[in-house]
């Protein structure tokens, strides 16, 4: 039962991965890239940079990270969707 479930999921993923990139893939990649890179940039800056950090510095890091994530999501939508998806849903839960 579970073996068939995972086999279907893998086949669907492989079909999506090998299909040509569509406009929808680029839009989803840009959204996921922007949200995911926001968290990667902010948390990375807090973890790796000198502390304390001003709010304006965090704002610039957030803006730069979002722009980078959207750009990467447009250029490489499938890779960004797979890599950044866990980070894009990081702050959305309650």
PDB file of N, CA and C in Angstrom:
ATOM      1  N   UNK A   1       0.825  -1.189   0.000  1.00  0.00           N
ATOM      2  CA  UNK A   1       0.000   0.000   0.000  1.00  0.00           C
ATOM      3  C   UNK A   1       0.873   1.257   0.000  1.00  0.00           C
ATOM      4  N   UNK A   2       1.758   1.378   0.994  1.00  0.00           N
ATOM      5  CA  UNK A   2       2.626   2.554   1.073  1.00  0.00           C
ATOM      6  C   UNK A   2       3.639   2.571  -0.065  1.00  0.00           C
ATOM      7  N   UNK A   3       4.060   1.384  -0.502  1.00  0.00           N
ATOM      8  CA  UNK A   3       5.027   1.319  -1.584  1.00  0.00           C
ATOM      9  C   UNK A   3       4.440   1.928  -2.856  1.00  0.00           C
ATOM     10  N   UNK A   4       3.187   1.626  -3.149  1.00  0.00           N
ATOM     11  CA  UNK A   4       2.527   2.205  -4.315  1.00  0.00           C
ATOM     12  C   UNK A   4       2.356   3.710  -4.190  1.00  0.00           C
ATOM     13  N   UNK A   5       2.065   4.183  -2.979  1.00  0.00           N
ATOM     14  CA  UNK A   5       1.923   5.624  -2.739  1.00  0.00           C
ATOM     15  C   UNK A   5       3.226   6.353  -3.046  1.00  0.00           C
ATOM     16  N   UNK A   6       4.325   5.840  -2.509  1.00  0.00           N
ATOM     17  CA  UNK A   6       5.617   6.493  -2.734  1.00  0.00           C
ATOM     18  C   UNK A   6       6.055   6.384  -4.190  1.00  0.00           C
ATOM     19  N   UNK A   7       5.738   5.279  -4.832  1.00  0.00           N
ATOM     20  CA  UNK A   7       6.095   5.116  -6.241  1.00  0.00           C
ATOM     21  C   UNK A   7       5.350   6.147  -7.093  1.00  0.00           C
ATOM     22  N   UNK A   8       4.047   6.335  -6.832  1.00  0.00           N
ATOM     23  CA  UNK A   8       3.280   7.343  -7.584  1.00  0.00           C
ATOM     24  C   UNK A   8       3.817   8.743  -7.335  1.00  0.00           C
ATOM     25  N   UNK A   9       4.134   9.044  -6.073  1.00  0.00           N
ATOM     26  CA  UNK A   9       4.677  10.367  -5.747  1.00  0.00           C
ATOM     27  C   UNK A   9       5.993  10.607  -6.474  1.00  0.00           C
ATOM     28  N   UNK A  10       6.855   9.605  -6.476  1.00  0.00           N
ATOM     29  CA  UNK A  10       8.142   9.737  -7.154  1.00  0.00           C
ATOM     30  C   UNK A  10       7.944   9.913  -8.654  1.00  0.00           C
ATOM     31  N   UNK A  11       7.016   9.167  -9.248  1.00  0.00           N
ATOM     32  CA  UNK A  11       6.754   9.303 -10.678  1.00  0.00           C
ATOM     33  C   UNK A  11       6.195  10.686 -11.011  1.00  0.00           C
ATOM     34  N   UNK A  12       5.296  11.201 -10.182  1.00  0.00           N
ATOM     35  CA  UNK A  12       4.762  12.548 -10.405  1.00  0.00           C
ATOM     36  C   UNK A  12       5.863  13.594 -10.296  1.00  0.00           C
ATOM     37  N   UNK A  13       6.738  13.445  -9.286  1.00  0.00           N
ATOM     38  CA  UNK A  13       7.842  14.390  -9.129  1.00  0.00           C
ATOM     39  C   UNK A  13       8.789  14.309 -10.318  1.00  0.00           C
ATOM     40  N   UNK A  14       9.124  13.104 -10.762  1.00  0.00           N
ATOM     41  CA  UNK A  14      10.033  12.941 -11.901  1.00  0.00           C
ATOM     42  C   UNK A  14       9.419  13.529 -13.168  1.00  0.00           C
ATOM     43  N   UNK A  15       8.116  13.338 -13.364  1.00  0.00           N
ATOM     44  CA  UNK A  15       7.447  13.912 -14.541  1.00  0.00           C
ATOM     45  C   UNK A  15       7.498  15.442 -14.492  1.00  0.00           C
ATOM     46  N   UNK A  16       7.222  16.019 -13.320  1.00  0.00           N
ATOM     47  CA  UNK A  16       7.279  17.478 -13.162  1.00  0.00           C
ATOM     48  C   UNK A  16       8.702  17.992 -13.358  1.00  0.00           C
ATOM     49  N   UNK A  17       9.670  17.288 -12.800  1.00  0.00           N
ATOM     50  CA  UNK A  17      11.062  17.739 -12.855  1.00  0.00           C
ATOM     51  C   UNK A  17      11.580  17.768 -14.288  1.00  0.00           C
ATOM     52  N   UNK A  18      11.209  16.791 -15.110  1.00  0.00           N
ATOM     53  CA  UNK A  18      11.718  16.694 -16.477  1.00  0.00           C
ATOM     54  C   UNK A  18      10.882  17.480 -17.485  1.00  0.00           C
ATOM     55  N   UNK A  19       9.742  17.978 -17.086  1.00  0.00           N
ATOM     56  CA  UNK A  19       8.896  18.760 -17.994  1.00  0.00           C
ATOM     57  C   UNK A  19       9.517  20.140 -18.218  1.00  0.00           C
ATOM     58  N   UNK A  20       9.251  20.760 -19.361  1.00  0.00           N
ATOM     59  CA  UNK A  20       9.745  22.119 -19.591  1.00  0.00           C
ATOM     60  C   UNK A  20       9.167  23.096 -18.560  1.00  0.00           C
ATOM     61  N   UNK A  21       9.925  24.129 -18.283  1.00  0.00           N
ATOM     62  CA  UNK A  21       9.512  25.130 -17.298  1.00  0.00           C
ATOM     63  C   UNK A  21       8.369  25.966 -17.879  1.00  0.00           C
ATOM     64  N   UNK A  22       7.319  26.139 -17.088  1.00  0.00           N
ATOM     65  CA  UNK A  22       6.172  26.937 -17.511  1.00  0.00           C
ATOM     66  C   UNK A  22       6.172  28.276 -16.768  1.00  0.00           C
ATOM     67  N   UNK A  23       5.282  29.148 -17.193  1.00  0.00           N
ATOM     68  CA  UNK A  23       5.136  30.439 -16.518  1.00  0.00           C
ATOM     69  C   UNK A  23       4.697  30.235 -15.068  1.00  0.00           C
ATOM     70  N   UNK A  24       3.828  29.265 -14.842  1.00  0.00           N
ATOM     71  CA  UNK A  24       3.374  28.954 -13.475  1.00  0.00           C
ATOM     72  C   UNK A  24       4.550  28.516 -12.602  1.00  0.00           C
ATOM     73  N   UNK A  25       5.447  27.697 -13.153  1.00  0.00           N
ATOM     74  CA  UNK A  25       6.639  27.278 -12.406  1.00  0.00           C
ATOM     75  C   UNK A  25       7.488  28.481 -12.014  1.00  0.00           C
ATOM     76  N   UNK A  26       7.634  29.434 -12.922  1.00  0.00           N
ATOM     77  CA  UNK A  26       8.444  30.625 -12.623  1.00  0.00           C
ATOM     78  C   UNK A  26       7.788  31.496 -11.551  1.00  0.00           C
ATOM     79  N   UNK A  27       6.470  31.634 -11.596  1.00  0.00           N
ATOM     80  CA  UNK A  27       5.765  32.437 -10.590  1.00  0.00           C
ATOM     81  C   UNK A  27       5.859  31.775  -9.222  1.00  0.00           C
ATOM     82  N   UNK A  28       5.606  30.475  -9.178  1.00  0.00           N
ATOM     83  CA  UNK A  28       5.703  29.750  -7.905  1.00  0.00           C
ATOM     84  C   UNK A  28       7.138  29.772  -7.392  1.00  0.00           C
ATOM     85  N   UNK A  29       8.109  29.595  -8.283  1.00  0.00           N
ATOM     86  CA  UNK A  29       9.516  29.652  -7.885  1.00  0.00           C
ATOM     87  C   UNK A  29       9.902  31.011  -7.332  1.00  0.00           C
ATOM     88  N   UNK A  30       9.379  32.083  -7.929  1.00  0.00           N
ATOM     89  CA  UNK A  30       9.675  33.430  -7.432  1.00  0.00           C
ATOM     90  C   UNK A  30       9.060  33.654  -6.053  1.00  0.00           C
ATOM     91  N   UNK A  31       7.831  33.197  -5.834  1.00  0.00           N
ATOM     92  CA  UNK A  31       7.190  33.350  -4.518  1.00  0.00           C
ATOM     93  C   UNK A  31       7.915  32.542  -3.444  1.00  0.00           C
ATOM     94  N   UNK A  32       8.186  31.283  -3.742  1.00  0.00           N
ATOM     95  CA  UNK A  32       8.884  30.439  -2.772  1.00  0.00           C
ATOM     96  C   UNK A  32      10.298  30.956  -2.541  1.00  0.00           C
ATOM     97  N   UNK A  33      10.977  31.379  -3.595  1.00  0.00           N
ATOM     98  CA  UNK A  33      12.330  31.913  -3.453  1.00  0.00           C
ATOM     99  C   UNK A  33      12.366  33.178  -2.618  1.00  0.00           C
ATOM    100  N   UNK A  34      11.403  34.069  -2.819  1.00  0.00           N
ATOM    101  CA  UNK A  34      11.360  35.300  -2.028  1.00  0.00           C
ATOM    102  C   UNK A  34      11.122  35.040  -0.557  1.00  0.00           C
ATOM    103  N   UNK A  35      10.145  34.182  -0.257  1.00  0.00           N
ATOM    104  CA  UNK A  35       9.850  33.893   1.158  1.00  0.00           C
ATOM    105  C   UNK A  35      10.954  33.067   1.808  1.00  0.00           C
ATOM    106  N   UNK A  36      11.461  32.081   1.082  1.00  0.00           N
ATOM    107  CA  UNK A  36      12.504  31.231   1.646  1.00  0.00           C
ATOM    108  C   UNK A  36      13.809  31.972   1.864  1.00  0.00           C
ATOM    109  N   UNK A  37      14.217  32.767   0.889  1.00  0.00           N
ATOM    110  CA  UNK A  37      15.475  33.509   1.032  1.00  0.00           C
ATOM    111  C   UNK A  37      15.360  34.625   2.062  1.00  0.00           C
ATOM    112  N   UNK A  38      14.153  35.132   2.295  1.00  0.00           N
ATOM    113  CA  UNK A  38      13.966  36.095   3.378  1.00  0.00           C
ATOM    114  C   UNK A  38      14.425  35.485   4.696  1.00  0.00           C
ATOM    115  N   UNK A  39      13.914  34.289   5.010  1.00  0.00           N
ATOM    116  CA  UNK A  39      14.281  33.641   6.272  1.00  0.00           C
ATOM    117  C   UNK A  39      15.740  33.209   6.283  1.00  0.00           C
ATOM    118  N   UNK A  40      16.243  32.715   5.155  1.00  0.00           N
ATOM    119  CA  UNK A  40      17.650  32.308   5.091  1.00  0.00           C
ATOM    120  C   UNK A  40      18.546  33.517   5.323  1.00  0.00           C
ATOM    121  N   UNK A  41      18.228  34.646   4.699  1.00  0.00           N
ATOM    122  CA  UNK A  41      19.044  35.854   4.849  1.00  0.00           C
ATOM    123  C   UNK A  41      19.001  36.428   6.251  1.00  0.00           C
ATOM    124  N   UNK A  42      17.810  36.546   6.825  1.00  0.00           N
ATOM    125  CA  UNK A  42      17.673  37.122   8.171  1.00  0.00           C
ATOM    126  C   UNK A  42      18.324  36.227   9.219  1.00  0.00           C
ATOM    127  N   UNK A  43      17.983  34.949   9.206  1.00  0.00           N
ATOM    128  CA  UNK A  43      18.553  34.040  10.206  1.00  0.00           C
ATOM    129  C   UNK A  43      20.050  33.845   9.999  1.00  0.00           C
ATOM    130  N   UNK A  44      20.479  33.827   8.746  1.00  0.00           N
ATOM    131  CA  UNK A  44      21.912  33.725   8.470  1.00  0.00           C
ATOM    132  C   UNK A  44      22.673  34.942   8.951  1.00  0.00           C
ATOM    133  N   UNK A  45      22.103  36.119   8.769  1.00  0.00           N
ATOM    134  CA  UNK A  45      22.751  37.350   9.243  1.00  0.00           C
ATOM    135  C   UNK A  45      22.835  37.370  10.761  1.00  0.00           C
ATOM    136  N   UNK A  46      21.772  36.960  11.416  1.00  0.00           N
ATOM    137  CA  UNK A  46      21.781  36.940  12.882  1.00  0.00           C
ATOM    138  C   UNK A  46      22.752  35.892  13.423  1.00  0.00           C
ATOM    139  N   UNK A  47      22.863  34.763  12.745  1.00  0.00           N
ATOM    140  CA  UNK A  47      23.722  33.683  13.235  1.00  0.00           C
ATOM    141  C   UNK A  47      25.195  33.920  12.924  1.00  0.00           C
ATOM    142  N   UNK A  48      25.500  34.500  11.776  1.00  0.00           N
ATOM    143  CA  UNK A  48      26.887  34.589  11.335  1.00  0.00           C
ATOM    144  C   UNK A  48      27.511  35.969  11.460  1.00  0.00           C
ATOM    145  N   UNK A  49      26.704  37.003  11.608  1.00  0.00           N
ATOM    146  CA  UNK A  49      27.232  38.360  11.674  1.00  0.00           C
ATOM    147  C   UNK A  49      27.478  38.812  13.092  1.00  0.00           C
ATOM    148  N   UNK A  50      28.193  39.929  13.231  1.00  0.00           N
ATOM    149  CA  UNK A  50      28.429  40.463  14.579  1.00  0.00           C
ATOM    150  C   UNK A  50      27.130  41.008  15.175  1.00  0.00           C
ATOM    151  N   UNK A  51      27.000  40.842  16.468  1.00  0.00           N
ATOM    152  CA  UNK A  51      25.823  41.324  17.190  1.00  0.00           C
ATOM    153  C   UNK A  51      26.220  42.479  18.080  1.00  0.00           C
ATOM    154  N   UNK A  52      25.399  43.399  18.451  1.00  0.00           N
ATOM    155  CA  UNK A  52      23.992  43.566  18.090  1.00  0.00           C
ATOM    156  C   UNK A  52      23.843  44.127  16.677  1.00  0.00           C
ATOM    157  N   UNK A  53      22.669  43.919  16.112  1.00  0.00           N
ATOM    158  CA  UNK A  53      22.366  44.338  14.749  1.00  0.00           C
ATOM    159  C   UNK A  53      21.229  45.345  14.800  1.00  0.00           C
ATOM    160  N   UNK A  54      21.384  46.441  14.070  1.00  0.00           N
ATOM    161  CA  UNK A  54      20.311  47.436  14.041  1.00  0.00           C
ATOM    162  C   UNK A  54      19.165  46.937  13.162  1.00  0.00           C
ATOM    163  N   UNK A  55      17.992  47.478  13.394  1.00  0.00           N
ATOM    164  CA  UNK A  55      16.815  47.085  12.629  1.00  0.00           C
ATOM    165  C   UNK A  55      16.950  47.484  11.160  1.00  0.00           C
ATOM    166  N   UNK A  56      17.601  48.612  10.894  1.00  0.00           N
ATOM    167  CA  UNK A  56      17.784  49.018   9.501  1.00  0.00           C
ATOM    168  C   UNK A  56      18.710  48.054   8.761  1.00  0.00           C
ATOM    169  N   UNK A  57      19.720  47.543   9.440  1.00  0.00           N
ATOM    170  CA  UNK A  57      20.605  46.557   8.817  1.00  0.00           C
ATOM    171  C   UNK A  57      19.840  45.282   8.491  1.00  0.00           C
ATOM    172  N   UNK A  58      19.006  44.835   9.424  1.00  0.00           N
ATOM    173  CA  UNK A  58      18.186  43.653   9.152  1.00  0.00           C
ATOM    174  C   UNK A  58      17.213  43.905   7.999  1.00  0.00           C
ATOM    175  N   UNK A  59      16.699  45.116   7.913  1.00  0.00           N
ATOM    176  CA  UNK A  59      15.802  45.462   6.812  1.00  0.00           C
ATOM    177  C   UNK A  59      16.490  45.389   5.464  1.00  0.00           C
ATOM    178  N   UNK A  60      17.719  45.902   5.389  1.00  0.00           N
ATOM    179  CA  UNK A  60      18.476  45.834   4.139  1.00  0.00           C
ATOM    180  C   UNK A  60      18.815  44.389   3.778  1.00  0.00           C
ATOM    181  N   UNK A  61      19.171  43.593   4.778  1.00  0.00           N
ATOM    182  CA  UNK A  61      19.440  42.180   4.528  1.00  0.00           C
ATOM    183  C   UNK A  61      18.175  41.474   4.049  1.00  0.00           C
ATOM    184  N   UNK A  62      17.042  41.791   4.647  1.00  0.00           N
ATOM    185  CA  UNK A  62      15.776  41.175   4.238  1.00  0.00           C
ATOM    186  C   UNK A  62      15.438  41.547   2.798  1.00  0.00           C
ATOM    187  N   UNK A  63      15.568  42.822   2.468  1.00  0.00           N
ATOM    188  CA  UNK A  63      15.266  43.274   1.111  1.00  0.00           C
ATOM    189  C   UNK A  63      16.193  42.620   0.090  1.00  0.00           C
ATOM    190  N   UNK A  64      17.481  42.599   0.391  1.00  0.00           N
ATOM    191  CA  UNK A  64      18.438  41.964  -0.518  1.00  0.00           C
ATOM    192  C   UNK A  64      18.180  40.477  -0.683  1.00  0.00           C
ATOM    193  N   UNK A  65      17.830  39.823   0.404  1.00  0.00           N
ATOM    194  CA  UNK A  65      17.549  38.386   0.345  1.00  0.00           C
ATOM    195  C   UNK A  65      16.298  38.103  -0.477  1.00  0.00           C
ATOM    196  N   UNK A  66      15.278  38.932  -0.323  1.00  0.00           N
ATOM    197  CA  UNK A  66      14.049  38.746  -1.098  1.00  0.00           C
ATOM    198  C   UNK A  66      14.318  38.951  -2.585  1.00  0.00           C
ATOM    199  N   UNK A  67      15.053  39.996  -2.928  1.00  0.00           N
ATOM    200  CA  UNK A  67      15.369  40.259  -4.338  1.00  0.00           C
ATOM    201  C   UNK A  67      16.175  39.101  -4.926  1.00  0.00           C
ATOM    202  N   UNK A  68      17.156  38.617  -4.176  1.00  0.00           N
ATOM    203  CA  UNK A  68      17.954  37.484  -4.640  1.00  0.00           C
ATOM    204  C   UNK A  68      17.087  36.238  -4.812  1.00  0.00           C
ATOM    205  N   UNK A  69      16.204  35.973  -3.852  1.00  0.00           N
ATOM    206  CA  UNK A  69      15.335  34.798  -3.936  1.00  0.00           C
ATOM    207  C   UNK A  69      14.378  34.857  -5.110  1.00  0.00           C
ATOM    208  N   UNK A  70      13.794  36.022  -5.363  1.00  0.00           N
ATOM    209  CA  UNK A  70      12.884  36.170  -6.502  1.00  0.00           C
ATOM    210  C   UNK A  70      13.646  35.995  -7.812  1.00  0.00           C
ATOM    211  N   UNK A  71      14.833  36.578  -7.895  1.00  0.00           N
ATOM    212  CA  UNK A  71      15.642  36.449  -9.107  1.00  0.00           C
ATOM    213  C   UNK A  71      16.021  34.993  -9.363  1.00  0.00           C
ATOM    214  N   UNK A  72      16.485  34.312  -8.328  1.00  0.00           N
ATOM    215  CA  UNK A  72      16.829  32.896  -8.485  1.00  0.00           C
ATOM    216  C   UNK A  72      15.598  32.060  -8.805  1.00  0.00           C
ATOM    217  N   UNK A  73      14.451  32.412  -8.212  1.00  0.00           N
ATOM    218  CA  UNK A  73      13.218  31.688  -8.488  1.00  0.00           C
ATOM    219  C   UNK A  73      12.751  31.838  -9.923  1.00  0.00           C
ATOM    220  N   UNK A  74      13.017  32.976 -10.523  1.00  0.00           N
ATOM    221  CA  UNK A  74      12.659  33.179 -11.930  1.00  0.00           C
ATOM    222  C   UNK A  74      13.637  32.449 -12.844  1.00  0.00           C
ATOM    223  N   UNK A  75      14.920  32.500 -12.515  1.00  0.00           N
ATOM    224  CA  UNK A  75      15.939  31.866 -13.356  1.00  0.00           C
ATOM    225  C   UNK A  75      15.965  30.343 -13.215  1.00  0.00           C
ATOM    226  N   UNK A  76      15.826  29.846 -11.999  1.00  0.00           N
ATOM    227  CA  UNK A  76      15.906  28.407 -11.720  1.00  0.00           C
ATOM    228  C   UNK A  76      14.702  27.976 -10.882  1.00  0.00           C
ATOM    229  N   UNK A  77      13.504  27.990 -11.453  1.00  0.00           N
ATOM    230  CA  UNK A  77      12.298  27.815 -10.638  1.00  0.00           C
ATOM    231  C   UNK A  77      12.168  26.452  -9.957  1.00  0.00           C
ATOM    232  N   UNK A  78      12.550  25.397 -10.611  1.00  0.00           N
ATOM    233  CA  UNK A  78      12.347  24.073 -10.017  1.00  0.00           C
ATOM    234  C   UNK A  78      13.342  23.806  -8.897  1.00  0.00           C
ATOM    235  N   UNK A  79      14.576  24.190  -9.085  1.00  0.00           N
ATOM    236  CA  UNK A  79      15.586  23.993  -8.040  1.00  0.00           C
ATOM    237  C   UNK A  79      15.248  24.835  -6.815  1.00  0.00           C
ATOM    238  N   UNK A  80      14.889  26.094  -7.026  1.00  0.00           N
ATOM    239  CA  UNK A  80      14.551  26.979  -5.907  1.00  0.00           C
ATOM    240  C   UNK A  80      13.301  26.477  -5.189  1.00  0.00           C
ATOM    241  N   UNK A  81      12.334  25.968  -5.932  1.00  0.00           N
ATOM    242  CA  UNK A  81      11.119  25.449  -5.299  1.00  0.00           C
ATOM    243  C   UNK A  81      11.425  24.275  -4.381  1.00  0.00           C
ATOM    244  N   UNK A  82      12.317  23.403  -4.800  1.00  0.00           N
ATOM    245  CA  UNK A  82      12.648  22.229  -3.991  1.00  0.00           C
ATOM    246  C   UNK A  82      13.510  22.615  -2.794  1.00  0.00           C
ATOM    247  N   UNK A  83      14.502  23.477  -2.998  1.00  0.00           N
ATOM    248  CA  UNK A  83      15.449  23.810  -1.925  1.00  0.00           C
ATOM    249  C   UNK A  83      14.839  24.775  -0.910  1.00  0.00           C
ATOM    250  N   UNK A  84      14.125  25.790  -1.367  1.00  0.00           N
ATOM    251  CA  UNK A  84      13.640  26.846  -0.469  1.00  0.00           C
ATOM    252  C   UNK A  84      12.253  26.595   0.109  1.00  0.00           C
ATOM    253  N   UNK A  85      11.540  25.564  -0.355  1.00  0.00           N
ATOM    254  CA  UNK A  85      10.180  25.360   0.145  1.00  0.00           C
ATOM    255  C   UNK A  85      10.111  25.185   1.660  1.00  0.00           C
ATOM    256  N   UNK A  86      11.001  24.396   2.284  1.00  0.00           N
ATOM    257  CA  UNK A  86      10.904  24.293   3.752  1.00  0.00           C
ATOM    258  C   UNK A  86      11.087  25.633   4.462  1.00  0.00           C
ATOM    259  N   UNK A  87      11.934  26.495   3.920  1.00  0.00           N
ATOM    260  CA  UNK A  87      12.155  27.802   4.539  1.00  0.00           C
ATOM    261  C   UNK A  87      10.997  28.757   4.274  1.00  0.00           C
ATOM    262  N   UNK A  88      10.291  28.577   3.157  1.00  0.00           N
ATOM    263  CA  UNK A  88       9.197  29.494   2.828  1.00  0.00           C
ATOM    264  C   UNK A  88       8.005  29.318   3.756  1.00  0.00           C
ATOM    265  N   UNK A  89       7.855  28.142   4.330  1.00  0.00           N
ATOM    266  CA  UNK A  89       6.739  27.925   5.248  1.00  0.00           C
ATOM    267  C   UNK A  89       7.167  28.038   6.703  1.00  0.00           C
ATOM    268  N   UNK A  90       8.388  28.477   6.962  1.00  0.00           N
ATOM    269  CA  UNK A  90       8.957  28.535   8.311  1.00  0.00           C
ATOM    270  C   UNK A  90       8.167  29.452   9.233  1.00  0.00           C
ATOM    271  N   UNK A  91       7.836  30.648   8.788  1.00  0.00           N
ATOM    272  CA  UNK A  91       7.159  31.610   9.652  1.00  0.00           C
ATOM    273  C   UNK A  91       5.655  31.633   9.489  1.00  0.00           C
ATOM    274  N   UNK A  92       5.095  30.738   8.702  1.00  0.00           N
ATOM    275  CA  UNK A  92       3.670  30.786   8.420  1.00  0.00           C
ATOM    276  C   UNK A  92       2.782  30.057   9.397  1.00  0.00           C
ATOM    277  N   UNK A  93       3.325  29.209  10.216  1.00  0.00           N
ATOM    278  CA  UNK A  93       2.508  28.434  11.148  1.00  0.00           C
ATOM    279  C   UNK A  93       2.217  29.195  12.424  1.00  0.00           C
ATOM    280  N   UNK A  94       1.317  28.637  13.199  1.00  0.00           N
ATOM    281  CA  UNK A  94       0.984  29.295  14.469  1.00  0.00           C
ATOM    282  C   UNK A  94       1.474  28.470  15.638  1.00  0.00           C
TER     283      UNK A  94
END
